[in-house]
Amino acid sequence: MSGNRKIIGFMTAAFVAALGTVACVQATSENGSSAPKVVEESLVQDAKVQATGVPVDEKGWKEEPVIRDLRNPWGMQFLPDGKMLVTMLSGSLLKIDPKTGERIEITGLPEVTAIGQGGLMDVSLHPKFAENGWVYLTLAQGNGQGNHSVLARGKLVGNNLEGTQVIFTPNFKKPGGQHFGSRILWLPDGTLLMSLGDGGNPPNSMNGKFTRYYVQDMDSDLGKLLRLDENGKPPKDNPFVGQAGAMPEIFTLGHRNIQGLARDPISGRIYANEHGANGGDEINHIEKGKNYGWPKATFSREYSGPKITDDTSLPGMVDPLVAWTPCPAPSGLAIYTGDKMPNWKGDLFSGGLAGRDVRRIDLDKNGKVLGMTHMDMKERVRDVRMGPDGYLWVMLEGANGRISRIIPE
């Protein structure tokens, strides 16, 4: 793990307990440019999490582009032979050889609806992929009036997915093209977690109710982290199985839009990053059956300016490990488990879309946040993964997207 080293620019929990909550606002310079500035606020949280701005720079690294000319890539997954599966939001799945650059489009995918933030999103391999060949995908289906993220599975045979079928469909169809969630994380018992967003910002609504307010309803999959078995069914030991009115697939609730999931193989801790609205992006420690607050407790404001709620913490709801304002718009999350950058061992790395960076969250052996730094990538970061070569791999999106390794400078 990371030991007790200090990172300049980060306020420890003990220091914040004495000083109070910290929030980041935009300060405008004389030439009109904006830069984050940390300012003190009143003691509203005591020893609880503070909202911080852009972390200080990480040193000793450089980007090594490996795969170029990808148009709006969304997810990536290494295959046992070193090749990669890469999803394009528009609906195509590519098999790419990082060594030669050869790319082949995989056939046999289910129908994909490319709408707004949705399309073909995450890709993951069954833990026993070498035996069964199963590839799992999250993707949007529906139309502008009603759509959702679904979980699909097919067997990879050569360059084709055989027997592809949708194995889980949530119990709602939201309008519009926002907040699809859609990350996949496998657990040691062979079950998986799948994230679903809150359906979008007001005035987005269903049945006369803003979609965000279904997040706290147990009879809705909106704004939830789901736990499913390999066949897309809710396991019998899920936390709300048997509870009247509760969907049995729910693992946790109170999420706006989880875009990154990671599990520490040493401690077993599960982490998620998720978007706030205007401020209040979060890193959370995920625990079975817990409520993570949205939209009742948040640092976020409406995009028009007003507070969403006066509460940043509430009894019975879990406070985030980290809250960021302004928003980096997190996407992609990984635990560093390699040996190429020894000081990073056991730390979290969170990509940023609006932040155009990768943020390192320095954790001690108990999962406490010791500090934060960031790596400026100059482009929107869509995914972050550990590579089998011991390096951190980063996906950058856009019309000229690329996949790069982070290597020592």
Protein backbone atom coordinates (compact mmCIF):
# COMPACT_ATOMS: atom_id res chain seq x y z
CA MET A 1 0.00 0.00 0.00
CA SER A 2 0.93 3.64 -0.09
CA GLY A 3 2.34 4.10 3.39
CA ASN A 4 2.16 7.46 5.15
CA ARG A 5 3.70 9.75 2.55
CA LYS A 6 2.27 13.26 2.32
CA ILE A 7 0.92 14.95 -0.78
CA ILE A 8 0.97 18.74 -0.75
CA GLY A 9 -2.35 20.41 -1.42
CA PHE A 10 -4.64 17.88 0.28
CA MET A 11 -6.36 18.50 3.61
CA THR A 12 -6.57 15.46 5.89
CA ALA A 13 -9.83 14.53 7.59
CA ALA A 14 -8.44 15.60 10.97
CA PHE A 15 -7.45 19.02 9.63
CA VAL A 16 -10.83 19.48 8.03
CA ALA A 17 -12.53 18.54 11.27
CA ALA A 18 -10.84 21.53 12.85
CA LEU A 19 -11.14 23.91 9.90
CA GLY A 20 -14.54 23.03 8.45
CA THR A 21 -15.82 22.09 5.04
CA VAL A 22 -13.87 23.22 2.01
CA ALA A 23 -15.41 23.90 -1.37
CA CYS A 24 -13.89 24.87 -4.69
CA VAL A 25 -15.25 27.80 -6.65
CA GLN A 26 -14.20 29.39 -9.92
CA ALA A 27 -12.06 32.48 -9.61
CA THR A 28 -11.67 34.73 -12.65
CA SER A 29 -8.31 36.32 -13.34
CA GLU A 30 -7.75 39.74 -14.86
CA ASN A 31 -7.40 38.25 -18.34
CA GLY A 32 -10.76 36.51 -18.01
CA SER A 33 -9.49 32.94 -17.56
CA SER A 34 -10.87 30.74 -14.80
CA ALA A 35 -8.89 28.73 -12.27
CA PRO A 36 -10.01 26.71 -9.25
CA LYS A 37 -9.62 28.41 -5.90
CA VAL A 38 -10.15 26.77 -2.53
CA VAL A 39 -12.15 28.84 -0.05
CA GLU A 40 -13.33 28.21 3.50
CA GLU A 41 -17.01 27.69 4.28
CA SER A 42 -18.89 27.32 7.55
CA LEU A 43 -18.64 24.26 9.74
CA VAL A 44 -21.44 22.29 8.11
CA GLN A 45 -19.91 18.83 8.13
CA ASP A 46 -17.51 18.76 11.08
CA ALA A 47 -15.30 15.69 10.55
CA LYS A 48 -17.17 14.47 7.48
CA VAL A 49 -15.98 14.70 3.89
CA GLN A 50 -15.08 18.04 2.38
CA ALA A 51 -15.60 19.10 -1.23
CA THR A 52 -12.20 19.80 -2.78
CA GLY A 53 -11.12 21.33 -6.06
CA VAL A 54 -8.56 20.22 -8.62
CA PRO A 55 -5.72 18.26 -6.93
CA VAL A 56 -2.05 19.09 -7.36
CA ASP A 57 -0.05 17.61 -10.23
CA GLU A 58 1.24 14.03 -10.14
CA LYS A 59 4.93 13.81 -11.06
CA GLY A 60 7.08 11.20 -12.77
CA TRP A 61 4.75 9.90 -15.50
CA LYS A 62 4.12 10.33 -19.20
CA GLU A 63 1.51 9.22 -21.71
CA GLU A 64 2.40 6.64 -24.35
CA PRO A 65 -0.33 6.48 -27.04
CA VAL A 66 -0.83 2.89 -28.24
CA ILE A 67 -4.07 2.83 -30.25
CA ARG A 68 -5.29 5.87 -32.21
CA ASP A 69 -8.19 6.92 -34.42
CA LEU A 70 -11.07 5.64 -32.29
CA ARG A 71 -14.33 7.55 -32.65
CA ASN A 72 -16.01 7.98 -29.27
CA PRO A 73 -14.80 4.79 -27.56
CA TRP A 74 -16.53 3.91 -24.26
CA GLY A 75 -15.18 0.72 -22.70
CA MET A 76 -12.20 -1.60 -23.01
CA GLN A 77 -11.34 -5.10 -21.84
CA PHE A 78 -8.13 -7.09 -22.25
CA LEU A 79 -8.42 -10.60 -23.66
CA PRO A 80 -6.21 -13.44 -22.37
CA ASP A 81 -4.08 -13.28 -25.55
CA GLY A 82 -3.22 -9.60 -24.97
CA LYS A 83 -5.66 -8.22 -27.54
CA MET A 84 -8.44 -5.88 -26.48
CA LEU A 85 -12.18 -5.59 -26.91
CA VAL A 86 -13.15 -1.94 -27.34
CA THR A 87 -16.71 -0.60 -27.51
CA MET A 88 -17.75 2.37 -29.65
CA LEU A 89 -20.70 4.34 -28.32
CA SER A 90 -22.22 4.25 -31.81
CA GLY A 91 -22.71 0.49 -31.50
CA SER A 92 -19.64 -1.38 -32.80
CA LEU A 93 -17.33 -3.73 -30.89
CA LEU A 94 -13.72 -3.96 -32.04
CA LYS A 95 -11.02 -6.52 -31.36
CA ILE A 96 -7.70 -4.64 -31.43
CA ASP A 97 -4.13 -5.91 -31.23
CA PRO A 98 -2.16 -3.24 -29.30
CA LYS A 99 1.12 -4.57 -30.75
CA THR A 100 0.23 -4.45 -34.44
CA GLY A 101 -2.72 -2.07 -34.47
CA GLU A 102 -4.85 -4.62 -36.32
CA ARG A 103 -8.55 -4.14 -35.64
CA ILE A 104 -11.48 -6.37 -36.50
CA GLU A 105 -15.15 -5.57 -35.96
CA ILE A 106 -16.98 -8.24 -33.96
CA THR A 107 -20.30 -9.40 -35.40
CA GLY A 108 -23.38 -10.81 -33.69
CA LEU A 109 -24.15 -7.93 -31.35
CA PRO A 110 -27.70 -7.26 -30.14
CA GLU A 111 -29.61 -4.19 -31.28
CA VAL A 112 -28.07 -0.98 -29.88
CA THR A 113 -29.76 2.42 -29.60
CA ALA A 114 -27.25 5.26 -29.87
CA ILE A 115 -28.98 8.19 -28.17
CA GLY A 116 -27.34 11.04 -26.28
CA GLN A 117 -25.06 9.56 -23.61
CA GLY A 118 -26.21 6.03 -24.39
CA GLY A 119 -25.16 3.42 -26.92
CA LEU A 120 -22.80 0.45 -26.69
CA MET A 121 -21.06 1.03 -23.39
CA ASP A 122 -19.20 -1.35 -21.10
CA VAL A 123 -17.61 -4.68 -22.01
CA SER A 124 -16.48 -7.39 -19.59
CA LEU A 125 -15.40 -11.03 -19.63
CA HIS A 126 -16.94 -13.78 -17.55
CA PRO A 127 -14.43 -14.87 -14.83
CA LYS A 128 -14.33 -18.27 -16.56
CA PHE A 129 -14.04 -16.80 -20.05
CA ALA A 130 -11.30 -19.27 -20.99
CA GLU A 131 -13.86 -22.06 -20.48
CA ASN A 132 -17.13 -20.54 -21.67
CA GLY A 133 -16.14 -17.61 -23.93
CA TRP A 134 -18.88 -15.34 -22.56
CA VAL A 135 -18.59 -11.61 -23.20
CA TYR A 136 -20.92 -9.27 -21.31
CA LEU A 137 -22.04 -5.90 -22.67
CA THR A 138 -24.13 -3.01 -21.39
CA LEU A 139 -26.02 -1.07 -24.02
CA ALA A 140 -28.94 1.27 -24.53
CA GLN A 141 -32.16 0.05 -26.09
CA GLY A 142 -35.40 1.90 -26.84
CA ASN A 143 -36.02 5.35 -28.31
CA GLY A 144 -36.20 8.99 -27.30
CA GLN A 145 -39.51 8.52 -25.53
CA GLY A 146 -38.48 5.44 -23.56
CA ASN A 147 -35.09 3.75 -23.15
CA HIS A 148 -32.81 2.05 -20.64
CA SER A 149 -29.50 0.24 -20.22
CA VAL A 150 -29.65 -3.54 -20.55
CA LEU A 151 -27.17 -6.34 -19.91
CA ALA A 152 -26.41 -8.67 -22.81
CA ARG A 153 -24.22 -11.75 -23.20
CA GLY A 154 -22.76 -13.70 -26.10
CA LYS A 155 -20.08 -16.34 -26.66
CA LEU A 156 -17.03 -15.05 -28.51
CA VAL A 157 -16.13 -17.53 -31.25
CA GLY A 158 -13.48 -16.17 -33.57
CA ASN A 159 -14.72 -12.70 -34.45
CA ASN A 160 -18.40 -13.35 -33.80
CA LEU A 161 -20.63 -13.31 -30.73
CA GLU A 162 -22.81 -16.41 -30.83
CA GLY A 163 -26.09 -16.91 -29.01
CA THR A 164 -26.20 -13.25 -28.01
CA GLN A 165 -29.16 -12.33 -25.83
CA VAL A 166 -30.26 -9.64 -23.42
CA ILE A 167 -30.22 -11.27 -19.99
CA PHE A 168 -31.35 -8.32 -17.83
CA THR A 169 -33.74 -5.46 -18.55
CA PRO A 170 -34.57 -2.88 -15.83
CA ASN A 171 -38.15 -2.14 -14.82
CA PHE A 172 -38.42 1.33 -16.37
CA LYS A 173 -38.19 3.18 -19.66
CA LYS A 174 -36.96 6.72 -19.17
CA PRO A 175 -37.28 9.48 -21.76
CA GLY A 176 -34.33 11.40 -23.20
CA GLY A 177 -30.68 10.47 -23.56
CA GLN A 178 -29.05 11.05 -20.15
CA HIS A 179 -27.57 9.05 -17.27
CA PHE A 180 -27.31 5.44 -18.40
CA GLY A 181 -24.75 4.32 -15.79
CA SER A 182 -23.63 1.02 -17.27
CA ARG A 183 -20.36 -0.16 -15.69
CA ILE A 184 -19.86 -3.85 -14.91
CA LEU A 185 -17.79 -5.31 -12.06
CA TRP A 186 -17.39 -9.02 -11.31
CA LEU A 187 -17.22 -10.22 -7.70
CA PRO A 188 -15.31 -13.25 -6.38
CA ASP A 189 -18.49 -15.29 -5.95
CA GLY A 190 -19.25 -15.15 -9.68
CA THR A 191 -21.94 -12.47 -9.44
CA LEU A 192 -21.62 -9.06 -11.06
CA LEU A 193 -22.51 -5.47 -10.28
CA MET A 194 -24.13 -3.25 -12.91
CA SER A 195 -24.74 0.47 -12.43
CA LEU A 196 -27.86 2.32 -13.58
CA GLY A 197 -28.19 6.11 -13.59
CA ASP A 198 -31.06 8.25 -12.32
CA GLY A 199 -32.55 8.86 -15.77
CA GLY A 200 -31.56 12.49 -16.27
CA ASN A 201 -31.92 16.05 -15.02
CA PRO A 202 -35.21 17.88 -14.52
CA PRO A 203 -37.49 18.39 -16.38
CA ASN A 204 -36.88 14.72 -17.35
CA SER A 205 -39.77 12.84 -15.76
CA MET A 206 -41.86 9.68 -15.77
CA ASN A 207 -45.53 9.59 -14.80
CA GLY A 208 -45.39 13.23 -13.69
CA LYS A 209 -42.40 12.71 -11.36
CA PHE A 210 -38.81 13.82 -12.01
CA THR A 211 -36.77 10.70 -12.73
CA ARG A 212 -34.18 11.61 -10.08
CA TYR A 213 -36.79 11.14 -7.35
CA TYR A 214 -37.24 7.47 -8.22
CA VAL A 215 -33.69 6.89 -6.95
CA GLN A 216 -34.86 6.55 -3.34
CA ASP A 217 -37.79 4.31 -4.34
CA MET A 218 -37.14 0.62 -3.76
CA ASP A 219 -39.60 -0.43 -6.48
CA SER A 220 -37.47 1.25 -9.17
CA ASP A 221 -34.08 0.30 -10.65
CA LEU A 222 -33.26 3.97 -11.39
CA GLY A 223 -30.15 5.26 -9.60
CA LYS A 224 -29.17 1.84 -8.27
CA LEU A 225 -26.23 -0.51 -8.26
CA LEU A 226 -27.58 -3.95 -9.13
CA ARG A 227 -26.17 -7.38 -8.27
CA LEU A 228 -26.94 -10.16 -10.74
CA ASP A 229 -25.78 -13.71 -11.31
CA GLU A 230 -24.10 -14.82 -14.55
CA ASN A 231 -27.53 -15.36 -16.12
CA GLY A 232 -28.81 -11.89 -15.23
CA LYS A 233 -30.95 -13.03 -12.28
CA PRO A 234 -30.95 -11.50 -8.77
CA PRO A 235 -29.15 -13.78 -6.26
CA LYS A 236 -31.19 -14.90 -3.28
CA ASP A 237 -28.76 -13.28 -0.82
CA ASN A 238 -29.17 -9.76 -2.22
CA PRO A 239 -29.88 -7.29 0.61
CA PHE A 240 -33.49 -6.45 -0.24
CA VAL A 241 -34.77 -9.86 -1.36
CA GLY A 242 -38.07 -10.51 0.38
CA GLN A 243 -38.63 -6.87 1.31
CA ALA A 244 -42.12 -5.82 0.28
CA GLY A 245 -42.09 -3.51 -2.74
CA ALA A 246 -38.33 -3.76 -3.28
CA MET A 247 -36.71 -4.91 -6.52
CA PRO A 248 -34.64 -8.01 -5.65
CA GLU A 249 -31.71 -7.02 -7.90
CA ILE A 250 -30.90 -3.86 -5.88
CA PHE A 251 -27.52 -3.95 -4.13
CA THR A 252 -27.19 -0.25 -3.19
CA LEU A 253 -29.25 2.89 -3.84
CA GLY A 254 -28.93 6.67 -3.86
CA HIS A 255 -26.72 7.04 -6.95
CA ARG A 256 -26.94 9.71 -9.65
CA ASN A 257 -24.80 8.15 -12.36
CA ILE A 258 -22.02 5.68 -11.52
CA GLN A 259 -19.43 5.70 -14.32
CA GLY A 260 -16.61 3.71 -12.72
CA LEU A 261 -16.42 0.57 -10.57
CA ALA A 262 -13.33 -1.11 -9.10
CA ARG A 263 -12.56 -3.75 -6.48
CA ASP A 264 -9.36 -3.93 -4.46
CA PRO A 265 -8.20 -7.57 -4.73
CA ILE A 266 -6.30 -7.33 -1.43
CA SER A 267 -8.87 -5.74 0.87
CA GLY A 268 -11.97 -6.71 -1.13
CA ARG A 269 -13.29 -3.14 -0.91
CA ILE A 270 -15.49 -1.97 -3.77
CA TYR A 271 -15.31 1.61 -5.00
CA ALA A 272 -17.45 3.66 -7.38
CA ASN A 273 -17.18 7.10 -8.90
CA GLU A 274 -20.26 9.00 -9.95
CA HIS A 275 -21.38 12.29 -11.39
CA GLY A 276 -22.94 15.00 -9.34
CA ALA A 277 -24.81 17.77 -11.13
CA ASN A 278 -23.17 21.20 -10.85
CA GLY A 279 -20.41 20.17 -8.43
CA GLY A 280 -20.45 17.27 -6.03
CA ASP A 281 -18.88 14.45 -8.06
CA GLU A 282 -18.08 11.56 -5.72
CA ILE A 283 -15.90 8.58 -4.93
CA ASN A 284 -17.78 6.10 -2.72
CA HIS A 285 -16.88 2.97 -0.79
CA ILE A 286 -19.64 0.57 -1.80
CA GLU A 287 -21.16 -1.70 0.83
CA LYS A 288 -24.10 -4.07 0.50
CA GLY A 289 -27.50 -2.56 1.20
CA LYS A 290 -26.29 1.02 1.79
CA ASN A 291 -27.91 4.29 0.66
CA TYR A 292 -25.54 6.86 -0.88
CA GLY A 293 -27.85 9.84 -0.58
CA TRP A 294 -28.78 11.15 -4.01
CA PRO A 295 -30.72 13.41 -4.36
CA LYS A 296 -31.46 13.96 -0.65
CA ALA A 297 -27.84 14.52 0.41
CA THR A 298 -25.33 15.99 -2.04
CA PHE A 299 -22.84 18.78 -2.62
CA SER A 300 -24.40 19.30 -6.06
CA ARG A 301 -26.32 22.33 -7.22
CA GLU A 302 -28.75 22.59 -10.09
CA TYR A 303 -27.11 23.67 -13.33
CA SER A 304 -29.19 26.84 -13.03
CA GLY A 305 -27.51 27.61 -9.68
CA PRO A 306 -29.79 26.79 -6.70
CA LYS A 307 -28.96 24.06 -4.20
CA ILE A 308 -30.57 20.71 -4.83
CA THR A 309 -30.78 20.21 -1.08
CA ASP A 310 -29.45 21.92 2.04
CA ASP A 311 -28.09 18.57 3.25
CA THR A 312 -24.67 17.21 2.33
CA SER A 313 -24.96 14.45 4.94
CA LEU A 314 -27.94 12.66 6.48
CA PRO A 315 -28.40 9.89 9.07
CA GLY A 316 -28.74 6.49 7.46
CA MET A 317 -26.94 7.60 4.30
CA VAL A 318 -23.29 7.05 3.45
CA ASP A 319 -20.99 10.04 2.98
CA PRO A 320 -18.60 9.90 0.03
CA LEU A 321 -14.89 9.31 0.51
CA VAL A 322 -14.20 12.19 -1.84
CA ALA A 323 -16.37 15.00 -3.23
CA TRP A 324 -15.18 17.30 -6.02
CA THR A 325 -16.30 20.78 -7.03
CA PRO A 326 -15.93 21.81 -9.83
CA CYS A 327 -16.87 18.54 -11.50
CA PRO A 328 -14.25 16.41 -13.22
CA ALA A 329 -17.23 14.32 -14.51
CA PRO A 330 -15.64 10.99 -13.49
CA SER A 331 -15.58 8.05 -15.87
CA GLY A 332 -13.57 4.87 -15.52
CA LEU A 333 -12.04 3.70 -12.25
CA ALA A 334 -9.18 1.33 -11.47
CA ILE A 335 -7.11 0.09 -8.53
CA TYR A 336 -3.42 0.07 -9.35
CA THR A 337 -2.09 -3.45 -8.78
CA GLY A 338 1.03 -3.39 -10.98
CA ASP A 339 4.71 -3.04 -10.19
CA LYS A 340 5.78 -0.43 -12.76
CA MET A 341 4.88 2.48 -10.45
CA PRO A 342 5.47 1.07 -6.94
CA ASN A 343 4.25 4.19 -5.11
CA TRP A 344 0.84 3.78 -6.74
CA LYS A 345 0.21 0.30 -5.35
CA GLY A 346 -3.31 0.02 -3.94
CA ASP A 347 -4.37 3.53 -5.00
CA LEU A 348 -7.49 4.49 -6.94
CA PHE A 349 -7.33 6.12 -10.37
CA SER A 350 -10.41 7.95 -11.60
CA GLY A 351 -10.79 9.31 -15.13
CA GLY A 352 -12.37 12.69 -15.82
CA LEU A 353 -14.42 13.81 -18.81
CA ALA A 354 -14.82 17.51 -18.05
CA GLY A 355 -11.60 17.45 -16.00
CA ARG A 356 -9.68 15.88 -18.91
CA ASP A 357 -7.49 14.16 -16.36
CA VAL A 358 -6.84 11.06 -14.30
CA ARG A 359 -7.03 11.59 -10.55
CA ARG A 360 -5.04 9.50 -8.14
CA ILE A 361 -6.66 8.91 -4.76
CA ASP A 362 -3.94 7.81 -2.35
CA LEU A 363 -5.35 5.22 0.07
CA ASP A 364 -3.86 3.68 3.18
CA LYS A 365 -4.29 0.00 4.06
CA ASN A 366 -7.60 0.75 5.78
CA GLY A 367 -9.06 2.56 2.78
CA LYS A 368 -8.60 6.03 4.26
CA VAL A 369 -7.86 8.82 1.79
CA LEU A 370 -4.37 10.21 2.42
CA GLY A 371 -4.19 12.60 -0.52
CA MET A 372 -4.95 13.30 -4.15
CA THR A 373 -3.06 14.27 -7.28
CA HIS A 374 -4.01 14.49 -10.94
CA MET A 375 -2.52 13.81 -14.36
CA ASP A 376 -3.56 16.27 -17.06
CA MET A 377 -4.42 14.24 -20.17
CA LYS A 378 -5.58 17.22 -22.31
CA GLU A 379 -8.57 15.18 -23.56
CA ARG A 380 -11.75 13.71 -22.07
CA VAL A 381 -10.97 10.45 -20.27
CA ARG A 382 -13.64 7.78 -20.72
CA ASP A 383 -12.11 4.67 -19.14
CA VAL A 384 -9.20 3.63 -16.92
CA ARG A 385 -8.03 0.01 -16.58
CA MET A 386 -5.14 -2.00 -15.21
CA GLY A 387 -3.28 -3.72 -18.03
CA PRO A 388 -1.83 -7.23 -17.81
CA ASP A 389 1.58 -5.64 -18.41
CA GLY A 390 1.49 -3.84 -15.04
CA TYR A 391 0.76 -0.41 -16.53
CA LEU A 392 -2.29 1.79 -16.17
CA TRP A 393 -4.23 2.11 -19.45
CA VAL A 394 -6.36 5.14 -20.25
CA MET A 395 -9.04 5.61 -22.91
CA LEU A 396 -9.54 9.12 -24.29
CA GLU A 397 -12.71 9.82 -26.23
CA GLY A 398 -13.72 12.15 -29.05
CA ALA A 399 -13.60 12.09 -32.83
CA ASN A 400 -9.91 11.17 -32.64
CA GLY A 401 -9.99 9.01 -29.54
CA ARG A 402 -7.05 6.91 -28.39
CA ILE A 403 -5.92 4.38 -25.81
CA SER A 404 -2.66 5.07 -24.00
CA ARG A 405 -0.41 3.58 -21.35
CA ILE A 406 0.85 5.62 -18.42
CA ILE A 407 4.55 4.89 -18.05
CA PRO A 408 7.39 6.30 -15.91
CA GLU A 409 8.82 9.57 -17.21
